[in-house]
């Protein structure tokens, strides 16, 4: 595999045994690299060098447009609510149930699903 220093275009010093390190990584992996995979969050994915931009859920936009609910005012209300539709009275409850954001789902659910899978 390629390690970070390999991408720098320099010849590594003989101070460390890079071959042994590569062998250990190929055998055992890197600490936490196989356990966690942090993905960009909505807030980090919107921040780019040119500033911030709004990321639109195209499925929610389509559903709201089909129902005749989409408007600039509703868009601003969703932005004000940080992307959540849960506190917006104009959005029907069935759409609120479908388009929950991550923090609206109780943290206990993954454990319930995991336990139920164990007993199948």
PDB file of N, CA and C in Angstrom:
ATOM      1  N   UNK A   1       0.815  -1.193   0.000  1.00  0.00           N
ATOM      2  CA  UNK A   1       0.000   0.000   0.000  1.00  0.00           C
ATOM      3  C   UNK A   1       0.854   1.250   0.000  1.00  0.00           C
ATOM      4  N   UNK A   2       0.190   2.350  -0.111  1.00  0.00           N
ATOM      5  CA  UNK A   2       0.873   3.645  -0.134  1.00  0.00           C
ATOM      6  C   UNK A   2       0.709   4.302   1.232  1.00  0.00           C
ATOM      7  N   UNK A   3       1.814   4.688   1.820  1.00  0.00           N
ATOM      8  CA  UNK A   3       1.788   5.429   3.076  1.00  0.00           C
ATOM      9  C   UNK A   3       1.876   6.923   2.778  1.00  0.00           C
ATOM     10  N   UNK A   4       1.553   7.732   3.755  1.00  0.00           N
ATOM     11  CA  UNK A   4       1.560   9.184   3.573  1.00  0.00           C
ATOM     12  C   UNK A   4       2.898   9.702   3.035  1.00  0.00           C
ATOM     13  N   UNK A   5       4.046   9.283   3.576  1.00  0.00           N
ATOM     14  CA  UNK A   5       5.321   9.801   3.049  1.00  0.00           C
ATOM     15  C   UNK A   5       5.563   9.444   1.580  1.00  0.00           C
ATOM     16  N   UNK A   6       4.935   8.365   1.091  1.00  0.00           N
ATOM     17  CA  UNK A   6       5.105   7.990  -0.313  1.00  0.00           C
ATOM     18  C   UNK A   6       4.535   9.048  -1.255  1.00  0.00           C
ATOM     19  N   UNK A   7       3.609   9.836  -0.776  1.00  0.00           N
ATOM     20  CA  UNK A   7       2.952  10.843  -1.617  1.00  0.00           C
ATOM     21  C   UNK A   7       3.686  12.177  -1.612  1.00  0.00           C
ATOM     22  N   UNK A   8       4.752  12.279  -0.855  1.00  0.00           N
ATOM     23  CA  UNK A   8       5.457  13.552  -0.731  1.00  0.00           C
ATOM     24  C   UNK A   8       6.529  13.747  -1.787  1.00  0.00           C
ATOM     25  N   UNK A   9       6.871  12.707  -2.531  1.00  0.00           N
ATOM     26  CA  UNK A   9       7.898  12.832  -3.559  1.00  0.00           C
ATOM     27  C   UNK A   9       9.302  12.983  -3.004  1.00  0.00           C
ATOM     28  N   UNK A  10       9.552  12.418  -1.816  1.00  0.00           N
ATOM     29  CA  UNK A  10      10.889  12.472  -1.215  1.00  0.00           C
ATOM     30  C   UNK A  10      11.368  11.047  -0.948  1.00  0.00           C
ATOM     31  N   UNK A  11      12.656  10.891  -0.807  1.00  0.00           N
ATOM     32  CA  UNK A  11      13.222   9.592  -0.449  1.00  0.00           C
ATOM     33  C   UNK A  11      13.278   9.515   1.069  1.00  0.00           C
ATOM     34  N   UNK A  12      12.619   8.501   1.660  1.00  0.00           N
ATOM     35  CA  UNK A  12      12.623   8.419   3.128  1.00  0.00           C
ATOM     36  C   UNK A  12      14.023   8.145   3.670  1.00  0.00           C
ATOM     37  N   UNK A  13      14.283   8.650   4.853  1.00  0.00           N
ATOM     38  CA  UNK A  13      15.593   8.427   5.476  1.00  0.00           C
ATOM     39  C   UNK A  13      15.681   6.977   5.955  1.00  0.00           C
ATOM     40  N   UNK A  14      16.860   6.590   6.341  1.00  0.00           N
ATOM     41  CA  UNK A  14      17.065   5.241   6.875  1.00  0.00           C
ATOM     42  C   UNK A  14      16.831   5.197   8.382  1.00  0.00           C
ATOM     43  N   UNK A  15      16.302   6.261   8.929  1.00  0.00           N
ATOM     44  CA  UNK A  15      16.094   6.338  10.373  1.00  0.00           C
ATOM     45  C   UNK A  15      15.103   5.280  10.847  1.00  0.00           C
ATOM     46  N   UNK A  16      14.066   4.987  10.042  1.00  0.00           N
ATOM     47  CA  UNK A  16      13.059   3.994  10.408  1.00  0.00           C
ATOM     48  C   UNK A  16      13.067   2.856   9.396  1.00  0.00           C
ATOM     49  N   UNK A  17      12.590   1.718   9.838  1.00  0.00           N
ATOM     50  CA  UNK A  17      12.517   0.542   8.974  1.00  0.00           C
ATOM     51  C   UNK A  17      11.152   0.547   8.277  1.00  0.00           C
ATOM     52  N   UNK A  18      11.072   1.203   7.120  1.00  0.00           N
ATOM     53  CA  UNK A  18       9.805   1.357   6.405  1.00  0.00           C
ATOM     54  C   UNK A  18       9.269   0.025   5.903  1.00  0.00           C
ATOM     55  N   UNK A  19      10.152  -0.882   5.513  1.00  0.00           N
ATOM     56  CA  UNK A  19       9.711  -2.196   5.024  1.00  0.00           C
ATOM     57  C   UNK A  19       9.015  -2.976   6.135  1.00  0.00           C
ATOM     58  N   UNK A  20       9.575  -2.921   7.344  1.00  0.00           N
ATOM     59  CA  UNK A  20       8.952  -3.616   8.479  1.00  0.00           C
ATOM     60  C   UNK A  20       7.606  -2.981   8.821  1.00  0.00           C
ATOM     61  N   UNK A  21       7.540  -1.661   8.757  1.00  0.00           N
ATOM     62  CA  UNK A  21       6.280  -0.971   9.025  1.00  0.00           C
ATOM     63  C   UNK A  21       5.211  -1.374   8.019  1.00  0.00           C
ATOM     64  N   UNK A  22       5.574  -1.405   6.750  1.00  0.00           N
ATOM     65  CA  UNK A  22       4.620  -1.821   5.710  1.00  0.00           C
ATOM     66  C   UNK A  22       4.121  -3.247   5.963  1.00  0.00           C
ATOM     67  N   UNK A  23       5.020  -4.128   6.365  1.00  0.00           N
ATOM     68  CA  UNK A  23       4.648  -5.520   6.640  1.00  0.00           C
ATOM     69  C   UNK A  23       3.684  -5.596   7.821  1.00  0.00           C
ATOM     70  N   UNK A  24       3.976  -4.834   8.883  1.00  0.00           N
ATOM     71  CA  UNK A  24       3.088  -4.823  10.051  1.00  0.00           C
ATOM     72  C   UNK A  24       1.714  -4.277   9.687  1.00  0.00           C
ATOM     73  N   UNK A  25       1.681  -3.219   8.884  1.00  0.00           N
ATOM     74  CA  UNK A  25       0.403  -2.636   8.475  1.00  0.00           C
ATOM     75  C   UNK A  25      -0.381  -3.617   7.617  1.00  0.00           C
ATOM     76  N   UNK A  26       0.293  -4.317   6.710  1.00  0.00           N
ATOM     77  CA  UNK A  26      -0.427  -5.262   5.853  1.00  0.00           C
ATOM     78  C   UNK A  26      -0.946  -6.450   6.654  1.00  0.00           C
ATOM     79  N   UNK A  27      -0.273  -6.783   7.756  1.00  0.00           N
ATOM     80  CA  UNK A  27      -0.705  -7.903   8.592  1.00  0.00           C
ATOM     81  C   UNK A  27      -1.772  -7.489   9.596  1.00  0.00           C
ATOM     82  N   UNK A  28      -1.563  -6.374  10.277  1.00  0.00           N
ATOM     83  CA  UNK A  28      -2.416  -5.994  11.401  1.00  0.00           C
ATOM     84  C   UNK A  28      -3.312  -4.784  11.137  1.00  0.00           C
ATOM     85  N   UNK A  29      -3.062  -4.047  10.079  1.00  0.00           N
ATOM     86  CA  UNK A  29      -3.826  -2.827   9.836  1.00  0.00           C
ATOM     87  C   UNK A  29      -3.280  -1.668  10.636  1.00  0.00           C
ATOM     88  N   UNK A  30      -3.986  -0.562  10.600  1.00  0.00           N
ATOM     89  CA  UNK A  30      -3.594   0.641  11.323  1.00  0.00           C
ATOM     90  C   UNK A  30      -4.630   0.880  12.410  1.00  0.00           C
ATOM     91  N   UNK A  31      -4.197   1.335  13.559  1.00  0.00           N
ATOM     92  CA  UNK A  31      -5.091   1.528  14.695  1.00  0.00           C
ATOM     93  C   UNK A  31      -6.350   2.287  14.288  1.00  0.00           C
ATOM     94  N   UNK A  32      -7.498   1.701  14.559  1.00  0.00           N
ATOM     95  CA  UNK A  32      -8.829   2.262  14.316  1.00  0.00           C
ATOM     96  C   UNK A  32      -9.196   2.406  12.844  1.00  0.00           C
ATOM     97  N   UNK A  33      -8.283   2.170  11.934  1.00  0.00           N
ATOM     98  CA  UNK A  33      -8.638   2.360  10.527  1.00  0.00           C
ATOM     99  C   UNK A  33      -9.659   1.337  10.071  1.00  0.00           C
ATOM    100  N   UNK A  34      -9.703   0.189  10.727  1.00  0.00           N
ATOM    101  CA  UNK A  34     -10.643  -0.849  10.335  1.00  0.00           C
ATOM    102  C   UNK A  34     -11.925  -0.785  11.153  1.00  0.00           C
ATOM    103  N   UNK A  35     -11.970   0.080  12.150  1.00  0.00           N
ATOM    104  CA  UNK A  35     -13.126   0.148  13.036  1.00  0.00           C
ATOM    105  C   UNK A  35     -13.999   1.369  12.800  1.00  0.00           C
ATOM    106  N   UNK A  36     -13.412   2.455  12.373  1.00  0.00           N
ATOM    107  CA  UNK A  36     -14.171   3.689  12.199  1.00  0.00           C
ATOM    108  C   UNK A  36     -14.008   4.212  10.784  1.00  0.00           C
ATOM    109  N   UNK A  37     -15.042   4.842  10.308  1.00  0.00           N
ATOM    110  CA  UNK A  37     -14.989   5.468   8.987  1.00  0.00           C
ATOM    111  C   UNK A  37     -15.747   6.780   9.063  1.00  0.00           C
ATOM    112  N   UNK A  38     -15.133   7.815   9.653  1.00  0.00           N
ATOM    113  CA  UNK A  38     -15.848   9.081   9.771  1.00  0.00           C
ATOM    114  C   UNK A  38     -16.146   9.666   8.394  1.00  0.00           C
ATOM    115  N   UNK A  39     -17.397   9.924   8.155  1.00  0.00           N
ATOM    116  CA  UNK A  39     -17.832  10.499   6.889  1.00  0.00           C
ATOM    117  C   UNK A  39     -18.035  12.000   7.077  1.00  0.00           C
ATOM    118  N   UNK A  40     -18.008  12.738   6.008  1.00  0.00           N
ATOM    119  CA  UNK A  40     -18.287  14.171   6.133  1.00  0.00           C
ATOM    120  C   UNK A  40     -19.697  14.387   6.652  1.00  0.00           C
ATOM    121  N   UNK A  41     -19.840  15.299   7.573  1.00  0.00           N
ATOM    122  CA  UNK A  41     -21.170  15.637   8.066  1.00  0.00           C
ATOM    123  C   UNK A  41     -21.751  16.721   7.173  1.00  0.00           C
ATOM    124  N   UNK A  42     -23.005  17.012   7.382  1.00  0.00           N
ATOM    125  CA  UNK A  42     -23.637  18.049   6.571  1.00  0.00           C
ATOM    126  C   UNK A  42     -22.898  19.372   6.719  1.00  0.00           C
ATOM    127  N   UNK A  43     -22.454  19.668   7.946  1.00  0.00           N
ATOM    128  CA  UNK A  43     -21.794  20.959   8.146  1.00  0.00           C
ATOM    129  C   UNK A  43     -20.401  20.992   7.525  1.00  0.00           C
ATOM    130  N   UNK A  44     -19.653  19.888   7.583  1.00  0.00           N
ATOM    131  CA  UNK A  44     -18.315  19.919   6.999  1.00  0.00           C
ATOM    132  C   UNK A  44     -18.356  19.795   5.496  1.00  0.00           C
ATOM    133  N   UNK A  45     -19.331  19.078   4.965  1.00  0.00           N
ATOM    134  CA  UNK A  45     -19.376  18.910   3.517  1.00  0.00           C
ATOM    135  C   UNK A  45     -19.793  20.189   2.811  1.00  0.00           C
ATOM    136  N   UNK A  46     -20.416  21.114   3.525  1.00  0.00           N
ATOM    137  CA  UNK A  46     -20.842  22.367   2.907  1.00  0.00           C
ATOM    138  C   UNK A  46     -19.751  23.425   2.922  1.00  0.00           C
ATOM    139  N   UNK A  47     -18.724  23.227   3.715  1.00  0.00           N
ATOM    140  CA  UNK A  47     -17.669  24.234   3.816  1.00  0.00           C
ATOM    141  C   UNK A  47     -16.570  23.906   2.817  1.00  0.00           C
ATOM    142  N   UNK A  48     -16.399  24.782   1.870  1.00  0.00           N
ATOM    143  CA  UNK A  48     -15.370  24.607   0.851  1.00  0.00           C
ATOM    144  C   UNK A  48     -14.557  25.891   0.772  1.00  0.00           C
ATOM    145  N   UNK A  49     -13.522  25.886  -0.041  1.00  0.00           N
ATOM    146  CA  UNK A  49     -12.655  27.064  -0.119  1.00  0.00           C
ATOM    147  C   UNK A  49     -13.399  28.315  -0.561  1.00  0.00           C
ATOM    148  N   UNK A  50     -14.422  28.146  -1.393  1.00  0.00           N
ATOM    149  CA  UNK A  50     -15.140  29.313  -1.899  1.00  0.00           C
ATOM    150  C   UNK A  50     -16.252  29.772  -0.959  1.00  0.00           C
ATOM    151  N   UNK A  51     -16.411  29.118   0.181  1.00  0.00           N
ATOM    152  CA  UNK A  51     -17.453  29.514   1.122  1.00  0.00           C
ATOM    153  C   UNK A  51     -18.374  28.349   1.431  1.00  0.00           C
ATOM    154  N   UNK A  52     -19.611  28.664   1.778  1.00  0.00           N
ATOM    155  CA  UNK A  52     -20.583  27.633   2.108  1.00  0.00           C
ATOM    156  C   UNK A  52     -21.674  27.612   1.059  1.00  0.00           C
ATOM    157  N   UNK A  53     -22.268  26.437   0.869  1.00  0.00           N
ATOM    158  CA  UNK A  53     -23.396  26.325  -0.042  1.00  0.00           C
ATOM    159  C   UNK A  53     -24.403  25.348   0.538  1.00  0.00           C
ATOM    160  N   UNK A  54     -25.627  25.429   0.090  1.00  0.00           N
ATOM    161  CA  UNK A  54     -26.707  24.595   0.595  1.00  0.00           C
ATOM    162  C   UNK A  54     -26.724  23.279  -0.169  1.00  0.00           C
ATOM    163  N   UNK A  55     -26.788  22.179   0.579  1.00  0.00           N
ATOM    164  CA  UNK A  55     -26.914  20.855  -0.014  1.00  0.00           C
ATOM    165  C   UNK A  55     -28.388  20.476   0.059  1.00  0.00           C
ATOM    166  N   UNK A  56     -28.991  20.203  -1.088  1.00  0.00           N
ATOM    167  CA  UNK A  56     -30.424  19.927  -1.148  1.00  0.00           C
ATOM    168  C   UNK A  56     -30.656  18.427  -1.243  1.00  0.00           C
ATOM    169  N   UNK A  57     -31.590  17.926  -0.437  1.00  0.00           N
ATOM    170  CA  UNK A  57     -32.022  16.539  -0.566  1.00  0.00           C
ATOM    171  C   UNK A  57     -33.002  16.502  -1.730  1.00  0.00           C
ATOM    172  N   UNK A  58     -32.554  15.961  -2.861  1.00  0.00           N
ATOM    173  CA  UNK A  58     -33.367  16.020  -4.077  1.00  0.00           C
ATOM    174  C   UNK A  58     -34.673  15.252  -3.933  1.00  0.00           C
ATOM    175  N   UNK A  59     -34.695  14.215  -3.121  1.00  0.00           N
ATOM    176  CA  UNK A  59     -35.921  13.436  -2.940  1.00  0.00           C
ATOM    177  C   UNK A  59     -36.949  14.224  -2.128  1.00  0.00           C
ATOM    178  N   UNK A  60     -36.486  14.892  -1.081  1.00  0.00           N
ATOM    179  CA  UNK A  60     -37.383  15.740  -0.295  1.00  0.00           C
ATOM    180  C   UNK A  60     -37.888  16.893  -1.144  1.00  0.00           C
ATOM    181  N   UNK A  61     -37.007  17.505  -1.906  1.00  0.00           N
ATOM    182  CA  UNK A  61     -37.401  18.606  -2.786  1.00  0.00           C
ATOM    183  C   UNK A  61     -38.469  18.148  -3.774  1.00  0.00           C
ATOM    184  N   UNK A  62     -38.273  16.967  -4.362  1.00  0.00           N
ATOM    185  CA  UNK A  62     -39.249  16.431  -5.324  1.00  0.00           C
ATOM    186  C   UNK A  62     -40.598  16.184  -4.643  1.00  0.00           C
ATOM    187  N   UNK A  63     -40.576  15.574  -3.456  1.00  0.00           N
ATOM    188  CA  UNK A  63     -41.827  15.285  -2.743  1.00  0.00           C
ATOM    189  C   UNK A  63     -42.566  16.570  -2.389  1.00  0.00           C
ATOM    190  N   UNK A  64     -41.847  17.558  -1.895  1.00  0.00           N
ATOM    191  CA  UNK A  64     -42.488  18.829  -1.531  1.00  0.00           C
ATOM    192  C   UNK A  64     -43.015  19.553  -2.762  1.00  0.00           C
ATOM    193  N   UNK A  65     -42.298  19.472  -3.871  1.00  0.00           N
ATOM    194  CA  UNK A  65     -42.748  20.104  -5.115  1.00  0.00           C
ATOM    195  C   UNK A  65     -44.002  19.424  -5.638  1.00  0.00           C
ATOM    196  N   UNK A  66     -44.016  18.084  -5.616  1.00  0.00           N
ATOM    197  CA  UNK A  66     -45.188  17.327  -6.079  1.00  0.00           C
ATOM    198  C   UNK A  66     -46.428  17.657  -5.253  1.00  0.00           C
ATOM    199  N   UNK A  67     -46.254  17.929  -3.969  1.00  0.00           N
ATOM    200  CA  UNK A  67     -47.378  18.258  -3.089  1.00  0.00           C
ATOM    201  C   UNK A  67     -47.753  19.733  -3.178  1.00  0.00           C
ATOM    202  N   UNK A  68     -46.984  20.502  -3.933  1.00  0.00           N
ATOM    203  CA  UNK A  68     -47.260  21.926  -4.060  1.00  0.00           C
ATOM    204  C   UNK A  68     -46.864  22.726  -2.832  1.00  0.00           C
ATOM    205  N   UNK A  69     -45.959  22.180  -2.030  1.00  0.00           N
ATOM    206  CA  UNK A  69     -45.564  22.845  -0.785  1.00  0.00           C
ATOM    207  C   UNK A  69     -44.269  23.643  -0.906  1.00  0.00           C
ATOM    208  N   UNK A  70     -43.465  23.351  -1.928  1.00  0.00           N
ATOM    209  CA  UNK A  70     -42.160  23.997  -2.038  1.00  0.00           C
ATOM    210  C   UNK A  70     -42.307  25.471  -2.356  1.00  0.00           C
ATOM    211  N   UNK A  71     -41.599  26.297  -1.613  1.00  0.00           N
ATOM    212  CA  UNK A  71     -41.610  27.744  -1.832  1.00  0.00           C
ATOM    213  C   UNK A  71     -40.316  28.312  -1.266  1.00  0.00           C
ATOM    214  N   UNK A  72     -39.971  29.520  -1.660  1.00  0.00           N
ATOM    215  CA  UNK A  72     -38.785  30.151  -1.068  1.00  0.00           C
ATOM    216  C   UNK A  72     -38.898  30.277   0.457  1.00  0.00           C
ATOM    217  N   UNK A  73     -40.109  30.524   0.946  1.00  0.00           N
ATOM    218  CA  UNK A  73     -40.298  30.638   2.396  1.00  0.00           C
ATOM    219  C   UNK A  73     -40.023  29.308   3.093  1.00  0.00           C
ATOM    220  N   UNK A  74     -40.508  28.203   2.486  1.00  0.00           N
ATOM    221  CA  UNK A  74     -40.265  26.884   3.071  1.00  0.00           C
ATOM    222  C   UNK A  74     -38.772  26.554   3.016  1.00  0.00           C
ATOM    223  N   UNK A  75     -38.120  26.897   1.914  1.00  0.00           N
ATOM    224  CA  UNK A  75     -36.675  26.673   1.795  1.00  0.00           C
ATOM    225  C   UNK A  75     -35.941  27.394   2.922  1.00  0.00           C
ATOM    226  N   UNK A  76     -36.283  28.646   3.159  1.00  0.00           N
ATOM    227  CA  UNK A  76     -35.631  29.419   4.216  1.00  0.00           C
ATOM    228  C   UNK A  76     -35.918  28.835   5.594  1.00  0.00           C
ATOM    229  N   UNK A  77     -37.139  28.309   5.771  1.00  0.00           N
ATOM    230  CA  UNK A  77     -37.496  27.699   7.053  1.00  0.00           C
ATOM    231  C   UNK A  77     -36.665  26.430   7.287  1.00  0.00           C
ATOM    232  N   UNK A  78     -36.471  25.629   6.248  1.00  0.00           N
ATOM    233  CA  UNK A  78     -35.646  24.419   6.368  1.00  0.00           C
ATOM    234  C   UNK A  78     -34.196  24.795   6.677  1.00  0.00           C
ATOM    235  N   UNK A  79     -33.683  25.823   6.036  1.00  0.00           N
ATOM    236  CA  UNK A  79     -32.320  26.292   6.321  1.00  0.00           C
ATOM    237  C   UNK A  79     -32.229  26.778   7.764  1.00  0.00           C
ATOM    238  N   UNK A  80     -33.252  27.513   8.214  1.00  0.00           N
ATOM    239  CA  UNK A  80     -33.286  28.005   9.592  1.00  0.00           C
ATOM    240  C   UNK A  80     -33.263  26.840  10.582  1.00  0.00           C
ATOM    241  N   UNK A  81     -33.916  25.737  10.219  1.00  0.00           N
ATOM    242  CA  UNK A  81     -33.975  24.547  11.081  1.00  0.00           C
ATOM    243  C   UNK A  81     -32.770  23.623  10.871  1.00  0.00           C
ATOM    244  N   UNK A  82     -31.731  24.119  10.218  1.00  0.00           N
ATOM    245  CA  UNK A  82     -30.504  23.350   9.952  1.00  0.00           C
ATOM    246  C   UNK A  82     -30.765  22.069   9.173  1.00  0.00           C
ATOM    247  N   UNK A  83     -31.697  22.130   8.228  1.00  0.00           N
ATOM    248  CA  UNK A  83     -31.967  20.994   7.361  1.00  0.00           C
ATOM    249  C   UNK A  83     -33.043  20.056   7.849  1.00  0.00           C
ATOM    250  N   UNK A  84     -33.557  20.281   9.032  1.00  0.00           N
ATOM    251  CA  UNK A  84     -34.594  19.408   9.580  1.00  0.00           C
ATOM    252  C   UNK A  84     -35.978  19.920   9.203  1.00  0.00           C
ATOM    253  N   UNK A  85     -36.884  18.981   8.906  1.00  0.00           N
ATOM    254  CA  UNK A  85     -38.274  19.358   8.619  1.00  0.00           C
ATOM    255  C   UNK A  85     -39.187  19.028   9.795  1.00  0.00           C
ATOM    256  N   UNK A  86     -38.634  18.495  10.883  1.00  0.00           N
ATOM    257  CA  UNK A  86     -39.451  18.008  11.993  1.00  0.00           C
ATOM    258  C   UNK A  86     -40.255  19.095  12.691  1.00  0.00           C
ATOM    259  N   UNK A  87     -39.765  20.314  12.728  1.00  0.00           N
ATOM    260  CA  UNK A  87     -40.465  21.392  13.430  1.00  0.00           C
ATOM    261  C   UNK A  87     -41.205  22.335  12.492  1.00  0.00           C
ATOM    262  N   UNK A  88     -41.432  21.890  11.263  1.00  0.00           N
ATOM    263  CA  UNK A  88     -42.096  22.744  10.276  1.00  0.00           C
ATOM    264  C   UNK A  88     -43.522  22.246  10.089  1.00  0.00           C
ATOM    265  N   UNK A  89     -44.477  23.055  10.492  1.00  0.00           N
ATOM    266  CA  UNK A  89     -45.879  22.616  10.478  1.00  0.00           C
ATOM    267  C   UNK A  89     -46.419  22.383   9.072  1.00  0.00           C
ATOM    268  N   UNK A  90     -45.870  23.057   8.061  1.00  0.00           N
ATOM    269  CA  UNK A  90     -46.359  22.887   6.690  1.00  0.00           C
ATOM    270  C   UNK A  90     -46.018  21.513   6.105  1.00  0.00           C
ATOM    271  N   UNK A  91     -45.027  20.842   6.663  1.00  0.00           N
ATOM    272  CA  UNK A  91     -44.597  19.538   6.145  1.00  0.00           C
ATOM    273  C   UNK A  91     -45.446  18.449   6.797  1.00  0.00           C
ATOM    274  N   UNK A  92     -46.094  17.595   5.982  1.00  0.00           N
ATOM    275  CA  UNK A  92     -46.938  16.529   6.533  1.00  0.00           C
ATOM    276  C   UNK A  92     -46.132  15.534   7.376  1.00  0.00           C
ATOM    277  N   UNK A  93     -46.808  14.909   8.335  1.00  0.00           N
ATOM    278  CA  UNK A  93     -46.151  13.976   9.245  1.00  0.00           C
ATOM    279  C   UNK A  93     -45.523  12.784   8.527  1.00  0.00           C
ATOM    280  N   UNK A  94     -46.148  12.313   7.437  1.00  0.00           N
ATOM    281  CA  UNK A  94     -45.564  11.165   6.734  1.00  0.00           C
ATOM    282  C   UNK A  94     -44.208  11.523   6.122  1.00  0.00           C
ATOM    283  N   UNK A  95     -44.064  12.759   5.637  1.00  0.00           N
ATOM    284  CA  UNK A  95     -42.754  13.190   5.124  1.00  0.00           C
ATOM    285  C   UNK A  95     -41.755  13.393   6.265  1.00  0.00           C
ATOM    286  N   UNK A  96     -42.241  13.889   7.394  1.00  0.00           N
ATOM    287  CA  UNK A  96     -41.352  14.063   8.547  1.00  0.00           C
ATOM    288  C   UNK A  96     -40.780  12.720   8.995  1.00  0.00           C
ATOM    289  N   UNK A  97     -41.596  11.667   8.922  1.00  0.00           N
ATOM    290  CA  UNK A  97     -41.133  10.334   9.326  1.00  0.00           C
ATOM    291  C   UNK A  97     -40.080   9.798   8.363  1.00  0.00           C
ATOM    292  N   UNK A  98     -40.215  10.124   7.093  1.00  0.00           N
ATOM    293  CA  UNK A  98     -39.270   9.631   6.081  1.00  0.00           C
ATOM    294  C   UNK A  98     -37.965  10.416   6.113  1.00  0.00           C
ATOM    295  N   UNK A  99     -38.046  11.737   6.267  1.00  0.00           N
ATOM    296  CA  UNK A  99     -36.867  12.601   6.133  1.00  0.00           C
ATOM    297  C   UNK A  99     -36.357  13.092   7.480  1.00  0.00           C
ATOM    298  N   UNK A 100     -36.166  12.163   8.411  1.00  0.00           N
ATOM    299  CA  UNK A 100     -35.534  12.513   9.677  1.00  0.00           C
ATOM    300  C   UNK A 100     -34.037  12.674   9.439  1.00  0.00           C
ATOM    301  N   UNK A 101     -33.424  13.537  10.190  1.00  0.00           N
ATOM    302  CA  UNK A 101     -31.976  13.666  10.096  1.00  0.00           C
ATOM    303  C   UNK A 101     -31.349  12.858  11.232  1.00  0.00           C
ATOM    304  N   UNK A 102     -30.076  12.630  11.174  1.00  0.00           N
ATOM    305  CA  UNK A 102     -29.406  11.675  12.064  1.00  0.00           C
ATOM    306  C   UNK A 102     -29.660  11.946  13.541  1.00  0.00           C
ATOM    307  N   UNK A 103     -29.679  13.209  13.956  1.00  0.00           N
ATOM    308  CA  UNK A 103     -29.826  13.508  15.368  1.00  0.00           C
ATOM    309  C   UNK A 103     -31.259  13.355  15.859  1.00  0.00           C
ATOM    310  N   UNK A 104     -32.213  13.138  14.961  1.00  0.00           N
ATOM    311  CA  UNK A 104     -33.602  12.936  15.359  1.00  0.00           C
ATOM    312  C   UNK A 104     -33.896  11.467  15.654  1.00  0.00           C
ATOM    313  N   UNK A 105     -32.964  10.582  15.326  1.00  0.00           N
ATOM    314  CA  UNK A 105     -33.148   9.153  15.567  1.00  0.00           C
ATOM    315  C   UNK A 105     -32.438   8.807  16.869  1.00  0.00           C
ATOM    316  N   UNK A 106     -33.165   8.256  17.850  1.00  0.00           N
ATOM    317  CA  UNK A 106     -32.534   7.932  19.134  1.00  0.00           C
ATOM    318  C   UNK A 106     -31.350   6.979  18.957  1.00  0.00           C
ATOM    319  N   UNK A 107     -30.315   7.180  19.766  1.00  0.00           N
ATOM    320  CA  UNK A 107     -29.093   6.395  19.648  1.00  0.00           C
ATOM    321  C   UNK A 107     -29.287   4.927  19.998  1.00  0.00           C
ATOM    322  N   UNK A 108     -30.383   4.563  20.630  1.00  0.00           N
ATOM    323  CA  UNK A 108     -30.615   3.181  21.036  1.00  0.00           C
ATOM    324  C   UNK A 108     -30.965   2.283  19.849  1.00  0.00           C
ATOM    325  N   UNK A 109     -31.457   2.832  18.738  1.00  0.00           N
ATOM    326  CA  UNK A 109     -31.910   2.013  17.613  1.00  0.00           C
ATOM    327  C   UNK A 109     -30.846   1.085  17.036  1.00  0.00           C
ATOM    328  N   UNK A 110     -29.606   1.514  16.823  1.00  0.00           N
ATOM    329  CA  UNK A 110     -28.626   0.561  16.268  1.00  0.00           C
ATOM    330  C   UNK A 110     -28.433  -0.665  17.153  1.00  0.00           C
ATOM    331  N   UNK A 111     -28.530  -0.469  18.481  1.00  0.00           N
ATOM    332  CA  UNK A 111     -28.331  -1.586  19.392  1.00  0.00           C
ATOM    333  C   UNK A 111     -29.525  -2.530  19.364  1.00  0.00           C
ATOM    334  N   UNK A 112     -30.722  -1.977  19.232  1.00  0.00           N
ATOM    335  CA  UNK A 112     -31.916  -2.812  19.114  1.00  0.00           C
ATOM    336  C   UNK A 112     -31.824  -3.656  17.853  1.00  0.00           C
ATOM    337  N   UNK A 113     -31.433  -3.045  16.742  1.00  0.00           N
ATOM    338  CA  UNK A 113     -31.313  -3.788  15.489  1.00  0.00           C
ATOM    339  C   UNK A 113     -30.225  -4.855  15.588  1.00  0.00           C
ATOM    340  N   UNK A 114     -29.118  -4.533  16.242  1.00  0.00           N
ATOM    341  CA  UNK A 114     -28.033  -5.498  16.371  1.00  0.00           C
ATOM    342  C   UNK A 114     -28.479  -6.686  17.210  1.00  0.00           C
ATOM    343  N   UNK A 115     -29.168  -6.426  18.311  1.00  0.00           N
ATOM    344  CA  UNK A 115     -29.637  -7.502  19.178  1.00  0.00           C
ATOM    345  C   UNK A 115     -30.657  -8.363  18.451  1.00  0.00           C
ATOM    346  N   UNK A 116     -31.563  -7.737  17.700  1.00  0.00           N
ATOM    347  CA  UNK A 116     -32.569  -8.519  16.978  1.00  0.00           C
ATOM    348  C   UNK A 116     -31.917  -9.402  15.922  1.00  0.00           C
ATOM    349  N   UNK A 117     -30.815  -8.941  15.323  1.00  0.00           N
ATOM    350  CA  UNK A 117     -30.101  -9.768  14.347  1.00  0.00           C
ATOM    351  C   UNK A 117     -29.438 -10.975  15.007  1.00  0.00           C
ATOM    352  N   UNK A 118     -29.024 -10.823  16.254  1.00  0.00           N
ATOM    353  CA  UNK A 118     -28.364 -11.930  16.943  1.00  0.00           C
ATOM    354  C   UNK A 118     -29.309 -13.102  17.184  1.00  0.00           C
ATOM    355  N   UNK A 119     -30.604 -12.803  17.332  1.00  0.00           N
ATOM    356  CA  UNK A 119     -31.571 -13.844  17.669  1.00  0.00           C
ATOM    357  C   UNK A 119     -32.340 -14.367  16.470  1.00  0.00           C
ATOM    358  N   UNK A 120     -31.897 -14.055  15.272  1.00  0.00           N
ATOM    359  CA  UNK A 120     -32.576 -14.557  14.069  1.00  0.00           C
ATOM    360  C   UNK A 120     -32.163 -15.972  13.782  1.00  0.00           C
TER     361      UNK A 120
END
